[in-house]
């Protein structure tokens, strides 16, 4: 028993080690999420590359979704949504 400022504390809890494989699984379906995120990025890149190829741009890496017209944005978002829902 430990005493602290006149009060009695119980025994210290014993620490038990839990055997868990590394790396720890924080997200159970991590591999599936990475696969789907890669597909979404591929769709976005494909749309941006297609639109950048039809324009005269000084730097193709500077072409982002903000530069798309509303119709092109809707098409890209629809493709991304369809990929996420499948």
N, C-alpha and C. Protein backbone atom coordinates (compact mmCIF):
# COMPACT_ATOMS: atom_id res chain seq x y z
N UNK A 1 0.83 -1.19 0.00
CA UNK A 1 0.00 0.00 0.00
C UNK A 1 0.88 1.25 0.00
N UNK A 2 0.44 2.23 -0.74
CA UNK A 2 1.14 3.50 -0.81
C UNK A 2 0.34 4.57 -0.08
N UNK A 3 1.05 5.49 0.54
CA UNK A 3 0.39 6.61 1.20
C UNK A 3 0.78 7.89 0.48
N UNK A 4 -0.21 8.71 0.19
CA UNK A 4 0.03 9.98 -0.47
C UNK A 4 -0.82 11.03 0.22
N UNK A 5 -0.17 11.99 0.86
CA UNK A 5 -0.87 13.06 1.58
C UNK A 5 -1.87 12.52 2.58
N UNK A 6 -1.51 11.47 3.26
CA UNK A 6 -2.36 10.93 4.30
C UNK A 6 -3.42 9.97 3.81
N UNK A 7 -3.61 9.82 2.50
CA UNK A 7 -4.61 8.86 2.01
C UNK A 7 -3.90 7.60 1.54
N UNK A 8 -4.58 6.51 1.69
CA UNK A 8 -4.00 5.23 1.33
C UNK A 8 -4.43 4.86 -0.09
N UNK A 9 -3.44 4.53 -0.88
CA UNK A 9 -3.72 4.12 -2.25
C UNK A 9 -3.61 2.60 -2.33
N UNK A 10 -4.35 2.01 -3.21
CA UNK A 10 -4.30 0.56 -3.41
C UNK A 10 -3.01 0.15 -4.09
N UNK A 11 -2.83 -1.14 -4.27
CA UNK A 11 -1.61 -1.61 -4.92
C UNK A 11 -1.57 -1.16 -6.37
N UNK A 12 -0.36 -1.00 -6.88
CA UNK A 12 -0.21 -0.59 -8.28
C UNK A 12 -0.71 -1.69 -9.19
N UNK A 13 -1.42 -1.29 -10.22
CA UNK A 13 -1.90 -2.33 -11.16
C UNK A 13 -0.71 -2.93 -11.91
N UNK A 14 -0.81 -4.21 -12.14
CA UNK A 14 0.25 -4.87 -12.89
C UNK A 14 0.02 -4.65 -14.37
N UNK A 15 1.09 -4.44 -15.09
CA UNK A 15 0.98 -4.22 -16.52
C UNK A 15 1.08 -5.56 -17.23
N UNK A 16 0.15 -5.78 -18.13
CA UNK A 16 0.19 -7.01 -18.92
C UNK A 16 0.47 -6.64 -20.36
N UNK A 17 1.34 -7.37 -20.95
CA UNK A 17 1.66 -7.12 -22.35
C UNK A 17 0.68 -7.88 -23.23
N UNK A 18 0.21 -7.18 -24.23
CA UNK A 18 -0.71 -7.79 -25.19
C UNK A 18 0.09 -8.08 -26.45
N UNK A 19 0.09 -9.32 -26.85
CA UNK A 19 0.80 -9.71 -28.06
C UNK A 19 -0.04 -9.36 -29.28
N UNK A 20 0.45 -8.40 -30.08
CA UNK A 20 -0.24 -8.02 -31.31
C UNK A 20 0.78 -7.98 -32.43
N UNK A 21 0.40 -8.46 -33.58
CA UNK A 21 1.33 -8.42 -34.71
C UNK A 21 1.55 -6.98 -35.18
N UNK A 22 2.72 -6.74 -35.71
CA UNK A 22 3.02 -5.43 -36.28
C UNK A 22 2.94 -5.50 -37.78
N UNK A 23 2.51 -4.53 -38.49
CA UNK A 23 1.95 -3.29 -38.00
C UNK A 23 0.56 -3.50 -37.44
N UNK A 24 0.19 -2.66 -36.49
CA UNK A 24 -1.12 -2.77 -35.87
C UNK A 24 -2.20 -2.42 -36.89
N UNK A 25 -3.26 -3.17 -36.88
CA UNK A 25 -4.38 -2.93 -37.80
C UNK A 25 -5.28 -1.87 -37.19
N UNK A 26 -5.12 -0.62 -37.62
CA UNK A 26 -5.96 0.46 -37.13
C UNK A 26 -7.26 0.49 -37.92
N UNK A 27 -7.14 0.30 -39.21
CA UNK A 27 -8.30 0.25 -40.09
C UNK A 27 -8.36 -1.16 -40.67
N UNK A 28 -9.41 -1.91 -40.35
CA UNK A 28 -9.45 -3.31 -40.79
C UNK A 28 -9.40 -3.50 -42.30
N UNK A 29 -10.00 -2.60 -43.05
CA UNK A 29 -10.04 -2.76 -44.51
C UNK A 29 -9.11 -1.75 -45.19
N UNK A 30 -7.95 -1.53 -44.61
CA UNK A 30 -7.01 -0.53 -45.13
C UNK A 30 -6.63 -0.79 -46.57
N UNK A 31 -6.32 -2.04 -46.90
CA UNK A 31 -5.91 -2.35 -48.28
C UNK A 31 -7.01 -2.02 -49.28
N UNK A 32 -8.25 -2.29 -48.92
CA UNK A 32 -9.37 -1.98 -49.80
C UNK A 32 -9.53 -0.47 -49.96
N UNK A 33 -9.36 0.28 -48.88
CA UNK A 33 -9.48 1.74 -48.97
C UNK A 33 -8.36 2.34 -49.82
N UNK A 34 -7.15 1.80 -49.69
CA UNK A 34 -6.04 2.28 -50.51
C UNK A 34 -6.31 1.99 -51.98
N UNK A 35 -6.86 0.82 -52.26
CA UNK A 35 -7.17 0.45 -53.64
C UNK A 35 -8.22 1.39 -54.24
N UNK A 36 -9.26 1.67 -53.46
CA UNK A 36 -10.32 2.55 -53.96
C UNK A 36 -9.82 3.99 -54.11
N UNK A 37 -8.99 4.44 -53.17
CA UNK A 37 -8.44 5.80 -53.27
C UNK A 37 -7.54 5.92 -54.50
N UNK A 38 -6.80 4.87 -54.80
CA UNK A 38 -5.95 4.89 -55.99
C UNK A 38 -6.80 4.97 -57.26
N UNK A 39 -7.91 4.26 -57.27
CA UNK A 39 -8.82 4.33 -58.43
C UNK A 39 -9.40 5.74 -58.59
N UNK A 40 -9.79 6.36 -57.49
CA UNK A 40 -10.34 7.72 -57.55
C UNK A 40 -9.28 8.69 -58.09
N UNK A 41 -8.05 8.58 -57.57
CA UNK A 41 -6.97 9.45 -58.05
C UNK A 41 -6.70 9.22 -59.53
N UNK A 42 -6.78 7.97 -59.96
CA UNK A 42 -6.56 7.65 -61.38
C UNK A 42 -7.63 8.32 -62.24
N UNK A 43 -8.90 8.30 -61.79
CA UNK A 43 -9.98 8.96 -62.54
C UNK A 43 -9.75 10.46 -62.62
N UNK A 44 -9.39 11.07 -61.50
CA UNK A 44 -9.16 12.52 -61.49
C UNK A 44 -7.99 12.87 -62.40
N UNK A 45 -6.90 12.12 -62.29
CA UNK A 45 -5.74 12.38 -63.15
C UNK A 45 -6.08 12.22 -64.63
N UNK A 46 -6.86 11.20 -64.93
CA UNK A 46 -7.25 10.97 -66.33
C UNK A 46 -8.06 12.13 -66.87
N UNK A 47 -9.01 12.63 -66.08
CA UNK A 47 -9.82 13.77 -66.52
C UNK A 47 -8.96 15.01 -66.72
N UNK A 48 -8.07 15.27 -65.76
CA UNK A 48 -7.23 16.45 -65.87
C UNK A 48 -6.26 16.35 -67.04
N UNK A 49 -5.69 15.18 -67.25
CA UNK A 49 -4.78 15.00 -68.39
C UNK A 49 -5.50 15.19 -69.72
N UNK A 50 -6.72 14.66 -69.82
CA UNK A 50 -7.50 14.78 -71.04
C UNK A 50 -7.80 16.25 -71.34
N UNK A 51 -8.22 16.98 -70.31
CA UNK A 51 -8.55 18.39 -70.52
C UNK A 51 -7.30 19.24 -70.75
N UNK A 52 -6.22 18.92 -70.08
CA UNK A 52 -4.98 19.68 -70.26
C UNK A 52 -4.40 19.47 -71.64
N UNK A 53 -4.60 18.28 -72.21
CA UNK A 53 -4.07 18.00 -73.55
C UNK A 53 -4.76 18.83 -74.62
N UNK A 54 -6.01 19.22 -74.36
CA UNK A 54 -6.74 19.98 -75.36
C UNK A 54 -6.57 21.49 -75.20
N UNK A 55 -5.78 21.91 -74.21
CA UNK A 55 -5.56 23.34 -73.98
C UNK A 55 -4.09 23.67 -74.12
N UNK A 56 -3.84 24.93 -74.40
CA UNK A 56 -2.46 25.40 -74.46
C UNK A 56 -2.07 25.88 -73.06
N UNK A 57 -1.33 25.03 -72.35
CA UNK A 57 -0.92 25.36 -70.98
C UNK A 57 0.59 25.49 -70.91
N UNK A 58 1.04 26.45 -70.12
CA UNK A 58 2.47 26.59 -69.93
C UNK A 58 3.02 25.49 -69.04
N UNK A 59 2.26 25.13 -68.03
CA UNK A 59 2.69 24.07 -67.12
C UNK A 59 1.51 23.13 -66.87
N UNK A 60 1.60 21.91 -67.38
CA UNK A 60 0.50 20.96 -67.22
C UNK A 60 0.30 20.54 -65.78
N UNK A 61 1.35 20.63 -64.96
CA UNK A 61 1.23 20.27 -63.55
C UNK A 61 0.42 21.29 -62.77
N UNK A 62 0.23 22.47 -63.34
CA UNK A 62 -0.53 23.52 -62.69
C UNK A 62 -2.02 23.38 -62.95
N UNK A 63 -2.41 22.43 -63.75
CA UNK A 63 -3.82 22.25 -64.11
C UNK A 63 -4.52 21.46 -63.01
N UNK A 64 -5.48 22.06 -62.34
CA UNK A 64 -6.20 21.46 -61.21
C UNK A 64 -7.69 21.48 -61.49
N UNK A 65 -8.51 20.75 -60.72
CA UNK A 65 -9.95 20.71 -60.98
C UNK A 65 -10.64 22.07 -61.01
N UNK A 66 -10.05 23.07 -60.36
CA UNK A 66 -10.66 24.41 -60.36
C UNK A 66 -10.71 24.97 -61.78
N UNK A 67 -9.78 24.57 -62.63
CA UNK A 67 -9.73 25.07 -64.00
C UNK A 67 -10.75 24.41 -64.93
N UNK A 68 -11.46 23.42 -64.45
CA UNK A 68 -12.46 22.75 -65.29
C UNK A 68 -13.74 23.57 -65.35
N UNK A 69 -14.43 23.49 -66.50
CA UNK A 69 -15.73 24.15 -66.61
C UNK A 69 -16.76 23.31 -65.83
N UNK A 70 -17.93 23.86 -65.56
CA UNK A 70 -18.93 23.11 -64.77
C UNK A 70 -19.29 21.75 -65.37
N UNK A 71 -19.42 21.68 -66.68
CA UNK A 71 -19.76 20.39 -67.31
C UNK A 71 -18.65 19.36 -67.07
N UNK A 72 -17.41 19.80 -67.21
CA UNK A 72 -16.29 18.89 -67.00
C UNK A 72 -16.20 18.45 -65.53
N UNK A 73 -16.49 19.36 -64.61
CA UNK A 73 -16.50 19.01 -63.19
C UNK A 73 -17.56 17.97 -62.88
N UNK A 74 -18.76 18.18 -63.44
CA UNK A 74 -19.84 17.22 -63.21
C UNK A 74 -19.45 15.85 -63.75
N UNK A 75 -18.87 15.80 -64.93
CA UNK A 75 -18.45 14.52 -65.51
C UNK A 75 -17.40 13.85 -64.63
N UNK A 76 -16.44 14.61 -64.14
CA UNK A 76 -15.40 14.03 -63.29
C UNK A 76 -15.99 13.53 -61.98
N UNK A 77 -16.83 14.34 -61.34
CA UNK A 77 -17.42 13.93 -60.07
C UNK A 77 -18.34 12.72 -60.26
N UNK A 78 -19.06 12.66 -61.36
CA UNK A 78 -19.90 11.51 -61.64
C UNK A 78 -19.07 10.25 -61.78
N UNK A 79 -17.96 10.33 -62.49
CA UNK A 79 -17.09 9.16 -62.63
C UNK A 79 -16.49 8.74 -61.30
N UNK A 80 -16.08 9.71 -60.50
CA UNK A 80 -15.50 9.40 -59.18
C UNK A 80 -16.57 8.77 -58.29
N UNK A 81 -17.78 9.32 -58.31
CA UNK A 81 -18.87 8.79 -57.50
C UNK A 81 -19.21 7.36 -57.93
N UNK A 82 -19.27 7.13 -59.21
CA UNK A 82 -19.57 5.78 -59.71
C UNK A 82 -18.50 4.78 -59.27
N UNK A 83 -17.25 5.23 -59.26
CA UNK A 83 -16.17 4.36 -58.82
C UNK A 83 -16.26 4.08 -57.32
N UNK A 84 -16.63 5.10 -56.54
CA UNK A 84 -16.74 4.91 -55.09
C UNK A 84 -17.92 4.03 -54.70
N UNK A 85 -18.97 4.06 -55.47
CA UNK A 85 -20.18 3.30 -55.13
C UNK A 85 -20.15 1.88 -55.64
N UNK A 86 -19.17 1.54 -56.46
CA UNK A 86 -19.15 0.17 -57.01
C UNK A 86 -18.48 -0.79 -56.07
